[in-house]
Amino acid sequence: MATIEHSVIVSASPERVFELLHRVEDFADYSDLILSIDMLGDNRYRWHVRAVGMDWSFDVEVTEISPPYVLAWESLDGVRNQGRYQLRAVPEGTEVSLTLQYEIRNRLMEKAVNRAARPLVGKVSRQILERVEARLNE
């Protein structure tokens, strides 16, 4: 599995940041690449994403919720992936670290996605966290 990591400081407490990150269905409001997220129940969600010129859908289950420090998930189908937000209090607010692992089984698609994945995940992560911070400062 390929691994992508991204970290940023958000000027708010871990509790306030976690409160927004925990609302997974709102992530579609935080990134231009996430078309929509449907709640399926039991901490399961269907993500619809537009990346590398294609629409991707996959079901995800939140696997760990430890407020206000950890939110983790893994895919149930579609693009195999798992991710984890780790929050840590720092003097400036909260350090939010994202670790995302993914695997694509089609070799042609894998090459295209691997070239684009780091900048795309970085962009999505930046958008999400910038918009979370903006919402916290409203």
N, C-alpha and C. Protein backbone atom coordinates (compact mmCIF):
# COMPACT_ATOMS: atom_id res chain seq x y z
N MET A 1 0.84 -1.19 0.00
CA MET A 1 0.00 0.00 0.00
C MET A 1 0.88 1.24 0.00
N ALA A 2 0.48 2.23 -0.77
CA ALA A 2 1.17 3.51 -0.77
C ALA A 2 0.72 4.31 0.45
N THR A 3 1.61 5.11 1.02
CA THR A 3 1.29 5.92 2.19
C THR A 3 1.56 7.38 1.89
N ILE A 4 0.61 8.22 2.28
CA ILE A 4 0.75 9.67 2.14
C ILE A 4 0.50 10.26 3.51
N GLU A 5 1.36 11.21 3.89
CA GLU A 5 1.21 11.87 5.18
C GLU A 5 1.16 13.37 4.98
N HIS A 6 0.36 14.03 5.79
CA HIS A 6 0.22 15.48 5.72
C HIS A 6 -0.06 15.98 7.13
N SER A 7 0.52 17.12 7.48
CA SER A 7 0.35 17.67 8.82
C SER A 7 0.20 19.18 8.74
N VAL A 8 -0.60 19.74 9.62
CA VAL A 8 -0.82 21.18 9.65
C VAL A 8 -1.20 21.58 11.08
N ILE A 9 -0.96 22.85 11.40
CA ILE A 9 -1.37 23.41 12.70
C ILE A 9 -2.66 24.20 12.48
N VAL A 10 -3.67 23.90 13.29
CA VAL A 10 -4.94 24.63 13.26
C VAL A 10 -5.03 25.42 14.56
N SER A 11 -5.35 26.70 14.44
CA SER A 11 -5.37 27.55 15.63
C SER A 11 -6.69 27.42 16.39
N ALA A 12 -6.88 26.23 16.98
CA ALA A 12 -8.04 25.95 17.82
C ALA A 12 -7.68 24.73 18.68
N SER A 13 -8.45 24.51 19.71
CA SER A 13 -8.18 23.38 20.60
C SER A 13 -8.50 22.05 19.91
N PRO A 14 -7.87 20.96 20.36
CA PRO A 14 -8.18 19.65 19.78
C PRO A 14 -9.67 19.31 19.87
N GLU A 15 -10.33 19.71 20.95
CA GLU A 15 -11.76 19.42 21.11
C GLU A 15 -12.58 20.08 20.01
N ARG A 16 -12.28 21.34 19.71
CA ARG A 16 -13.04 22.07 18.68
C ARG A 16 -12.74 21.52 17.30
N VAL A 17 -11.48 21.20 17.03
CA VAL A 17 -11.12 20.65 15.72
C VAL A 17 -11.77 19.27 15.54
N PHE A 18 -11.67 18.43 16.56
CA PHE A 18 -12.23 17.08 16.48
C PHE A 18 -13.74 17.12 16.25
N GLU A 19 -14.40 18.05 16.89
CA GLU A 19 -15.86 18.18 16.75
C GLU A 19 -16.25 18.31 15.27
N LEU A 20 -15.50 19.08 14.52
CA LEU A 20 -15.81 19.24 13.09
C LEU A 20 -15.32 18.05 12.26
N LEU A 21 -14.14 17.53 12.56
CA LEU A 21 -13.63 16.38 11.80
C LEU A 21 -14.50 15.15 12.00
N HIS A 22 -15.10 15.03 13.15
CA HIS A 22 -15.94 13.87 13.46
C HIS A 22 -17.21 13.85 12.60
N ARG A 23 -17.62 14.98 12.06
CA ARG A 23 -18.80 15.05 11.18
C ARG A 23 -18.37 14.73 9.76
N VAL A 24 -18.14 13.46 9.52
CA VAL A 24 -17.59 12.99 8.25
C VAL A 24 -18.43 13.46 7.06
N GLU A 25 -19.74 13.44 7.19
CA GLU A 25 -20.61 13.82 6.07
C GLU A 25 -20.40 15.27 5.63
N ASP A 26 -19.82 16.11 6.50
CA ASP A 26 -19.56 17.51 6.15
C ASP A 26 -18.28 17.69 5.32
N PHE A 27 -17.46 16.64 5.18
CA PHE A 27 -16.21 16.78 4.43
C PHE A 27 -16.46 17.25 3.00
N ALA A 28 -17.59 16.91 2.42
CA ALA A 28 -17.91 17.35 1.06
C ALA A 28 -17.97 18.88 0.98
N ASP A 29 -18.29 19.53 2.10
CA ASP A 29 -18.32 21.00 2.14
C ASP A 29 -16.92 21.58 2.23
N TYR A 30 -15.94 20.75 2.59
CA TYR A 30 -14.59 21.24 2.86
C TYR A 30 -13.62 21.05 1.70
N SER A 31 -14.00 20.30 0.66
CA SER A 31 -13.08 20.06 -0.44
C SER A 31 -13.80 20.05 -1.77
N ASP A 32 -13.18 20.66 -2.78
CA ASP A 32 -13.73 20.70 -4.13
C ASP A 32 -13.69 19.33 -4.80
N LEU A 33 -12.83 18.44 -4.35
CA LEU A 33 -12.68 17.13 -4.98
C LEU A 33 -13.67 16.10 -4.44
N ILE A 34 -14.26 16.36 -3.29
CA ILE A 34 -15.26 15.45 -2.73
C ILE A 34 -16.62 15.91 -3.22
N LEU A 35 -17.24 15.10 -4.08
CA LEU A 35 -18.52 15.47 -4.66
C LEU A 35 -19.64 15.37 -3.64
N SER A 36 -19.66 14.27 -2.90
CA SER A 36 -20.67 14.09 -1.85
C SER A 36 -20.28 12.93 -0.96
N ILE A 37 -20.90 12.89 0.22
CA ILE A 37 -20.71 11.79 1.16
C ILE A 37 -22.09 11.44 1.70
N ASP A 38 -22.47 10.18 1.50
CA ASP A 38 -23.76 9.70 1.97
C ASP A 38 -23.58 8.91 3.26
N MET A 39 -24.40 9.22 4.26
CA MET A 39 -24.39 8.44 5.50
C MET A 39 -25.13 7.13 5.24
N LEU A 40 -24.49 6.01 5.59
CA LEU A 40 -25.11 4.70 5.41
C LEU A 40 -25.57 4.11 6.74
N GLY A 41 -25.17 4.72 7.85
CA GLY A 41 -25.50 4.21 9.18
C GLY A 41 -24.35 3.41 9.77
N ASP A 42 -24.38 3.21 11.08
CA ASP A 42 -23.35 2.43 11.78
C ASP A 42 -21.94 2.89 11.47
N ASN A 43 -21.71 4.21 11.48
CA ASN A 43 -20.39 4.79 11.19
C ASN A 43 -19.88 4.42 9.80
N ARG A 44 -20.78 4.22 8.86
CA ARG A 44 -20.41 3.92 7.47
C ARG A 44 -20.88 5.04 6.55
N TYR A 45 -20.04 5.31 5.54
CA TYR A 45 -20.30 6.41 4.62
C TYR A 45 -19.92 5.99 3.21
N ARG A 46 -20.64 6.51 2.22
CA ARG A 46 -20.26 6.33 0.82
C ARG A 46 -19.71 7.66 0.30
N TRP A 47 -18.43 7.62 -0.09
CA TRP A 47 -17.75 8.81 -0.61
C TRP A 47 -17.83 8.81 -2.13
N HIS A 48 -18.07 9.99 -2.71
CA HIS A 48 -18.04 10.19 -4.16
C HIS A 48 -17.00 11.29 -4.40
N VAL A 49 -15.92 10.92 -5.09
CA VAL A 49 -14.77 11.80 -5.27
C VAL A 49 -14.47 11.93 -6.75
N ARG A 50 -14.03 13.11 -7.16
CA ARG A 50 -13.58 13.32 -8.54
C ARG A 50 -12.08 13.57 -8.48
N ALA A 51 -11.29 12.65 -9.06
CA ALA A 51 -9.83 12.77 -9.04
C ALA A 51 -9.26 12.18 -10.32
N VAL A 52 -8.15 12.70 -10.76
CA VAL A 52 -7.45 12.31 -11.98
C VAL A 52 -8.43 12.12 -13.15
N GLY A 53 -9.39 13.06 -13.26
CA GLY A 53 -10.32 13.05 -14.37
C GLY A 53 -11.38 11.97 -14.32
N MET A 54 -11.51 11.32 -13.18
CA MET A 54 -12.49 10.24 -13.05
C MET A 54 -13.29 10.39 -11.77
N ASP A 55 -14.49 9.81 -11.78
CA ASP A 55 -15.30 9.75 -10.58
C ASP A 55 -15.02 8.44 -9.87
N TRP A 56 -14.80 8.51 -8.56
CA TRP A 56 -14.52 7.34 -7.74
C TRP A 56 -15.55 7.29 -6.62
N SER A 57 -16.02 6.11 -6.31
CA SER A 57 -16.91 5.92 -5.17
C SER A 57 -16.38 4.77 -4.33
N PHE A 58 -16.50 4.92 -3.04
CA PHE A 58 -16.10 3.84 -2.15
C PHE A 58 -16.81 4.02 -0.82
N ASP A 59 -17.09 2.90 -0.17
CA ASP A 59 -17.71 2.91 1.14
C ASP A 59 -16.62 2.84 2.19
N VAL A 60 -16.82 3.60 3.26
CA VAL A 60 -15.84 3.72 4.33
C VAL A 60 -16.54 3.48 5.66
N GLU A 61 -15.82 2.84 6.56
CA GLU A 61 -16.30 2.67 7.93
C GLU A 61 -15.32 3.34 8.87
N VAL A 62 -15.85 4.17 9.76
CA VAL A 62 -15.02 4.77 10.80
C VAL A 62 -14.69 3.64 11.79
N THR A 63 -13.40 3.40 11.99
CA THR A 63 -12.96 2.26 12.79
C THR A 63 -12.47 2.64 14.19
N GLU A 64 -12.15 3.92 14.37
CA GLU A 64 -11.69 4.36 15.69
C GLU A 64 -12.09 5.81 15.90
N ILE A 65 -12.75 6.03 17.02
CA ILE A 65 -13.13 7.38 17.43
C ILE A 65 -12.68 7.54 18.87
N SER A 66 -11.64 8.34 19.07
CA SER A 66 -11.11 8.61 20.41
C SER A 66 -11.01 10.11 20.60
N PRO A 67 -12.16 10.76 20.92
CA PRO A 67 -12.16 12.21 21.06
C PRO A 67 -11.20 12.66 22.15
N PRO A 68 -10.50 13.75 21.98
CA PRO A 68 -10.41 14.55 20.76
C PRO A 68 -9.11 14.29 19.98
N TYR A 69 -8.63 13.06 20.00
CA TYR A 69 -7.30 12.83 19.45
C TYR A 69 -7.21 11.94 18.22
N VAL A 70 -8.15 11.04 17.99
CA VAL A 70 -8.03 10.09 16.88
C VAL A 70 -9.37 9.89 16.17
N LEU A 71 -9.31 9.94 14.85
CA LEU A 71 -10.43 9.54 14.00
C LEU A 71 -9.81 8.71 12.87
N ALA A 72 -10.20 7.43 12.78
CA ALA A 72 -9.60 6.54 11.78
C ALA A 72 -10.71 5.82 11.01
N TRP A 73 -10.38 5.43 9.79
CA TRP A 73 -11.35 4.78 8.92
C TRP A 73 -10.65 3.81 7.98
N GLU A 74 -11.47 2.95 7.35
CA GLU A 74 -10.96 2.10 6.28
C GLU A 74 -12.09 1.87 5.29
N SER A 75 -11.70 1.64 4.04
CA SER A 75 -12.69 1.42 3.00
C SER A 75 -13.26 0.01 3.13
N LEU A 76 -14.49 -0.13 2.70
CA LEU A 76 -15.16 -1.43 2.70
C LEU A 76 -15.22 -2.00 1.29
N ASP A 77 -15.12 -1.13 0.29
CA ASP A 77 -15.11 -1.55 -1.10
C ASP A 77 -14.52 -0.43 -1.95
N GLY A 78 -14.53 -0.61 -3.25
CA GLY A 78 -13.97 0.41 -4.13
C GLY A 78 -12.47 0.51 -3.95
N VAL A 79 -11.95 1.72 -3.98
CA VAL A 79 -10.52 1.95 -3.80
C VAL A 79 -10.15 1.56 -2.37
N ARG A 80 -9.27 0.58 -2.23
CA ARG A 80 -8.87 0.13 -0.89
C ARG A 80 -8.02 1.21 -0.23
N ASN A 81 -8.48 1.70 0.92
CA ASN A 81 -7.73 2.73 1.62
C ASN A 81 -8.07 2.71 3.10
N GLN A 82 -7.15 3.27 3.87
CA GLN A 82 -7.39 3.49 5.29
C GLN A 82 -6.67 4.77 5.68
N GLY A 83 -7.28 5.47 6.61
CA GLY A 83 -6.69 6.73 7.01
C GLY A 83 -6.88 6.99 8.48
N ARG A 84 -6.15 7.99 8.95
CA ARG A 84 -6.17 8.30 10.37
C ARG A 84 -5.83 9.77 10.55
N TYR A 85 -6.70 10.48 11.27
CA TYR A 85 -6.37 11.81 11.76
C TYR A 85 -5.90 11.65 13.19
N GLN A 86 -4.74 12.21 13.48
CA GLN A 86 -4.19 12.22 14.83
C GLN A 86 -4.08 13.69 15.23
N LEU A 87 -4.71 14.08 16.32
CA LEU A 87 -4.68 15.46 16.80
C LEU A 87 -3.83 15.53 18.06
N ARG A 88 -3.06 16.62 18.15
CA ARG A 88 -2.17 16.81 19.30
C ARG A 88 -2.15 18.29 19.65
N ALA A 89 -2.37 18.58 20.92
CA ALA A 89 -2.33 19.97 21.39
C ALA A 89 -0.90 20.49 21.29
N VAL A 90 -0.76 21.69 20.73
CA VAL A 90 0.53 22.39 20.65
C VAL A 90 0.26 23.83 21.08
N PRO A 91 1.31 24.59 21.41
CA PRO A 91 1.08 25.96 21.87
C PRO A 91 0.26 26.81 20.90
N GLU A 92 0.38 26.56 19.60
CA GLU A 92 -0.35 27.36 18.60
C GLU A 92 -1.79 26.89 18.41
N GLY A 93 -2.17 25.75 18.98
CA GLY A 93 -3.52 25.21 18.81
C GLY A 93 -3.49 23.70 18.76
N THR A 94 -3.69 23.15 17.55
CA THR A 94 -3.72 21.70 17.38
C THR A 94 -2.94 21.29 16.15
N GLU A 95 -2.02 20.36 16.32
CA GLU A 95 -1.37 19.77 15.16
C GLU A 95 -2.26 18.62 14.69
N VAL A 96 -2.67 18.68 13.43
CA VAL A 96 -3.50 17.64 12.85
C VAL A 96 -2.65 16.90 11.82
N SER A 97 -2.46 15.61 12.06
CA SER A 97 -1.67 14.78 11.14
C SER A 97 -2.59 13.78 10.47
N LEU A 98 -2.51 13.72 9.16
CA LEU A 98 -3.27 12.76 8.37
C LEU A 98 -2.31 11.73 7.81
N THR A 99 -2.64 10.46 7.98
CA THR A 99 -1.91 9.37 7.33
C THR A 99 -2.94 8.62 6.50
N LEU A 100 -2.68 8.49 5.21
CA LEU A 100 -3.58 7.81 4.30
C LEU A 100 -2.81 6.74 3.56
N GLN A 101 -3.34 5.53 3.57
CA GLN A 101 -2.76 4.43 2.81
C GLN A 101 -3.80 3.97 1.80
N TYR A 102 -3.35 3.65 0.59
CA TYR A 102 -4.29 3.21 -0.43
C TYR A 102 -3.63 2.17 -1.33
N GLU A 103 -4.49 1.40 -1.98
CA GLU A 103 -4.01 0.37 -2.91
C GLU A 103 -4.98 0.30 -4.08
N ILE A 104 -4.44 0.34 -5.28
CA ILE A 104 -5.24 0.21 -6.50
C ILE A 104 -4.74 -1.02 -7.23
N ARG A 105 -5.66 -1.91 -7.56
CA ARG A 105 -5.25 -3.21 -8.11
C ARG A 105 -5.11 -3.22 -9.63
N ASN A 106 -5.54 -2.18 -10.30
CA ASN A 106 -5.40 -2.08 -11.75
C ASN A 106 -4.09 -1.35 -12.04
N ARG A 107 -3.14 -2.00 -12.70
CA ARG A 107 -1.80 -1.41 -12.90
C ARG A 107 -1.82 -0.10 -13.67
N LEU A 108 -2.64 -0.01 -14.71
CA LEU A 108 -2.70 1.24 -15.47
C LEU A 108 -3.25 2.38 -14.61
N MET A 109 -4.30 2.09 -13.88
CA MET A 109 -4.87 3.11 -13.00
C MET A 109 -3.91 3.45 -11.88
N GLU A 110 -3.21 2.45 -11.37
CA GLU A 110 -2.28 2.66 -10.27
C GLU A 110 -1.19 3.66 -10.65
N LYS A 111 -0.65 3.52 -11.86
CA LYS A 111 0.39 4.45 -12.29
C LYS A 111 -0.13 5.88 -12.34
N ALA A 112 -1.31 6.07 -12.91
CA ALA A 112 -1.88 7.41 -13.01
C ALA A 112 -2.19 7.98 -11.63
N VAL A 113 -2.77 7.16 -10.79
CA VAL A 113 -3.15 7.63 -9.45
C VAL A 113 -1.91 7.92 -8.61
N ASN A 114 -0.90 7.05 -8.68
CA ASN A 114 0.30 7.27 -7.88
C ASN A 114 0.97 8.60 -8.23
N ARG A 115 0.98 8.95 -9.51
CA ARG A 115 1.57 10.23 -9.91
C ARG A 115 0.79 11.41 -9.36
N ALA A 116 -0.51 11.25 -9.30
CA ALA A 116 -1.36 12.36 -8.89
C ALA A 116 -1.75 12.32 -7.41
N ALA A 117 -1.59 11.17 -6.76
CA ALA A 117 -2.15 10.99 -5.41
C ALA A 117 -1.57 11.94 -4.38
N ARG A 118 -0.25 12.08 -4.32
CA ARG A 118 0.33 12.95 -3.28
C ARG A 118 -0.17 14.38 -3.39
N PRO A 119 -0.09 14.99 -4.58
CA PRO A 119 -0.61 16.36 -4.64
C PRO A 119 -2.12 16.43 -4.40
N LEU A 120 -2.87 15.42 -4.85
CA LEU A 120 -4.31 15.44 -4.64
C LEU A 120 -4.66 15.29 -3.17
N VAL A 121 -4.06 14.33 -2.51
CA VAL A 121 -4.35 14.14 -1.08
C VAL A 121 -3.89 15.35 -0.30
N GLY A 122 -2.74 15.91 -0.65
CA GLY A 122 -2.28 17.13 0.00
C GLY A 122 -3.27 18.26 -0.20
N LYS A 123 -3.79 18.39 -1.42
CA LYS A 123 -4.76 19.45 -1.71
C LYS A 123 -6.04 19.24 -0.91
N VAL A 124 -6.56 18.02 -0.92
CA VAL A 124 -7.79 17.73 -0.18
C VAL A 124 -7.58 17.97 1.31
N SER A 125 -6.48 17.47 1.84
CA SER A 125 -6.20 17.65 3.26
C SER A 125 -6.08 19.13 3.61
N ARG A 126 -5.35 19.89 2.79
CA ARG A 126 -5.22 21.34 3.05
C ARG A 126 -6.58 22.01 3.00
N GLN A 127 -7.38 21.69 1.96
CA GLN A 127 -8.71 22.31 1.85
C GLN A 127 -9.56 21.98 3.07
N ILE A 128 -9.59 20.71 3.45
CA ILE A 128 -10.42 20.31 4.59
C ILE A 128 -10.00 21.07 5.84
N LEU A 129 -8.71 21.06 6.13
CA LEU A 129 -8.25 21.68 7.38
C LEU A 129 -8.34 23.20 7.34
N GLU A 130 -8.10 23.82 6.18
CA GLU A 130 -8.26 25.27 6.07
C GLU A 130 -9.72 25.66 6.28
N ARG A 131 -10.63 24.88 5.70
CA ARG A 131 -12.05 25.21 5.83
C ARG A 131 -12.58 24.87 7.22
N VAL A 132 -12.03 23.84 7.86
CA VAL A 132 -12.38 23.56 9.25
C VAL A 132 -11.94 24.74 10.11
N GLU A 133 -10.71 25.20 9.91
CA GLU A 133 -10.22 26.34 10.69
C GLU A 133 -11.05 27.59 10.43
N ALA A 134 -11.41 27.84 9.18
CA ALA A 134 -12.24 29.00 8.87
C ALA A 134 -13.60 28.91 9.57
N ARG A 135 -14.18 27.71 9.58
CA ARG A 135 -15.47 27.53 10.25
C ARG A 135 -15.32 27.75 11.75
N LEU A 136 -14.20 27.32 12.33
CA LEU A 136 -13.98 27.52 13.76
C LEU A 136 -13.82 28.99 14.10
N ASN A 137 -13.34 29.79 13.15
CA ASN A 137 -13.11 31.20 13.39
C ASN A 137 -14.28 32.09 13.00
N GLU A 138 -15.38 31.49 12.58
CA GLU A 138 -16.58 32.29 12.20
C GLU A 138 -17.22 32.92 13.41
